[in-house]
């Protein structure tokens, strides 16, 4: 398992990510974020992934479902969601 943290969103680090992808040609790619699906970097970066990667290498999104609010308002629910998304992000494909 390799974890890659993308900190520079613009300009998108195409060459750097191409090098990472080339190092792991058979790896599943997972985009994980804490923000809801309609927030954070995912909506903006999906088009980059569509341009750069073949269809069979597109990332699987792991994170909170789309929401009008960036937080649940419940500490208990937040921790449940956080644990679920980390578990899902680290799950090996079958």
Protein backbone atom coordinates (compact mmCIF):
# COMPACT_ATOMS: atom_id res chain seq x y z
CA UNK A 1 0.00 0.00 0.00
CA UNK A 2 1.26 3.43 -0.89
CA UNK A 3 -0.32 6.63 0.38
CA UNK A 4 0.17 9.77 -1.69
CA UNK A 5 -0.84 13.14 -0.35
CA UNK A 6 -1.73 15.69 -3.03
CA UNK A 7 -1.12 19.13 -1.60
CA UNK A 8 -0.81 21.18 -4.75
CA UNK A 9 -4.11 21.35 -6.56
CA UNK A 10 -3.18 24.03 -9.08
CA UNK A 11 -1.32 23.76 -11.22
CA UNK A 12 -2.19 20.08 -11.02
CA UNK A 13 0.99 18.00 -10.49
CA UNK A 14 0.60 15.90 -13.65
CA UNK A 15 4.22 14.75 -14.00
CA UNK A 16 4.56 13.85 -10.33
CA UNK A 17 1.36 11.80 -10.30
CA UNK A 18 2.26 10.11 -13.60
CA UNK A 19 5.50 8.95 -11.95
CA UNK A 20 3.59 7.59 -8.96
CA UNK A 21 1.06 5.78 -11.18
CA UNK A 22 3.89 4.26 -13.23
CA UNK A 23 5.46 2.88 -10.05
CA UNK A 24 2.27 0.99 -9.20
CA UNK A 25 0.78 -0.15 -12.53
CA UNK A 26 -1.62 -2.68 -11.00
CA UNK A 27 -2.68 -0.71 -7.94
CA UNK A 28 -6.20 0.43 -7.26
CA UNK A 29 -6.34 4.21 -6.99
CA UNK A 30 -8.48 5.67 -4.21
CA UNK A 31 -9.27 9.34 -3.68
CA UNK A 32 -10.08 9.84 -0.01
CA UNK A 33 -11.21 13.11 1.53
CA UNK A 34 -12.90 14.12 4.75
CA UNK A 35 -15.13 16.74 3.14
CA UNK A 36 -18.47 15.74 1.62
CA UNK A 37 -18.33 14.55 -2.00
CA UNK A 38 -19.59 17.87 -3.39
CA UNK A 39 -16.97 19.82 -1.42
CA UNK A 40 -13.23 19.56 -1.02
CA UNK A 41 -10.97 18.79 -3.98
CA UNK A 42 -12.88 15.87 -5.54
CA UNK A 43 -15.33 17.86 -7.73
CA UNK A 44 -12.50 19.98 -9.13
CA UNK A 45 -9.94 17.21 -9.63
CA UNK A 46 -12.17 14.57 -11.18
CA UNK A 47 -11.78 16.17 -14.62
CA UNK A 48 -7.98 15.92 -14.30
CA UNK A 49 -8.22 12.22 -13.53
CA UNK A 50 -10.55 11.72 -16.51
CA UNK A 51 -8.01 13.41 -18.80
CA UNK A 52 -4.89 11.73 -17.43
CA UNK A 53 -5.88 8.17 -16.65
CA UNK A 54 -7.31 5.34 -18.71
CA UNK A 55 -10.83 4.33 -17.70
CA UNK A 56 -9.64 1.23 -15.84
CA UNK A 57 -7.34 3.37 -13.62
CA UNK A 58 -9.85 6.02 -12.50
CA UNK A 59 -9.85 6.56 -8.74
CA UNK A 60 -12.54 5.21 -6.48
CA UNK A 61 -14.01 7.97 -4.31
CA UNK A 62 -14.04 7.38 -0.56
CA UNK A 63 -15.46 10.06 1.68
CA UNK A 64 -18.63 11.49 3.03
CA UNK A 65 -21.70 11.57 0.80
CA UNK A 66 -22.71 14.89 -0.78
CA UNK A 67 -24.24 17.30 1.70
CA UNK A 68 -25.39 20.90 2.03
CA UNK A 69 -23.35 21.15 5.23
CA UNK A 70 -19.64 20.44 5.72
CA UNK A 71 -20.31 18.83 9.11
CA UNK A 72 -22.99 16.64 10.67
CA UNK A 73 -23.34 18.71 13.84
CA UNK A 74 -22.96 15.55 15.91
CA UNK A 75 -19.57 14.58 17.33
CA UNK A 76 -20.67 10.95 17.60
CA UNK A 77 -21.85 10.84 13.97
CA UNK A 78 -18.66 12.60 12.82
CA UNK A 79 -16.49 9.93 14.46
CA UNK A 80 -18.64 7.15 12.98
CA UNK A 81 -18.25 8.65 9.50
CA UNK A 82 -14.52 9.25 10.00
CA UNK A 83 -13.90 5.64 11.06
CA UNK A 84 -15.98 4.33 8.15
CA UNK A 85 -14.16 6.37 5.52
CA UNK A 86 -10.70 5.44 6.82
CA UNK A 87 -11.67 1.76 6.93
CA UNK A 88 -13.05 1.93 3.39
CA UNK A 89 -10.04 3.83 2.04
CA UNK A 90 -7.65 1.20 3.42
CA UNK A 91 -9.74 -1.77 2.23
CA UNK A 92 -7.97 -3.97 -0.28
CA UNK A 93 -9.97 -4.75 -3.41
CA UNK A 94 -11.15 -8.32 -3.74
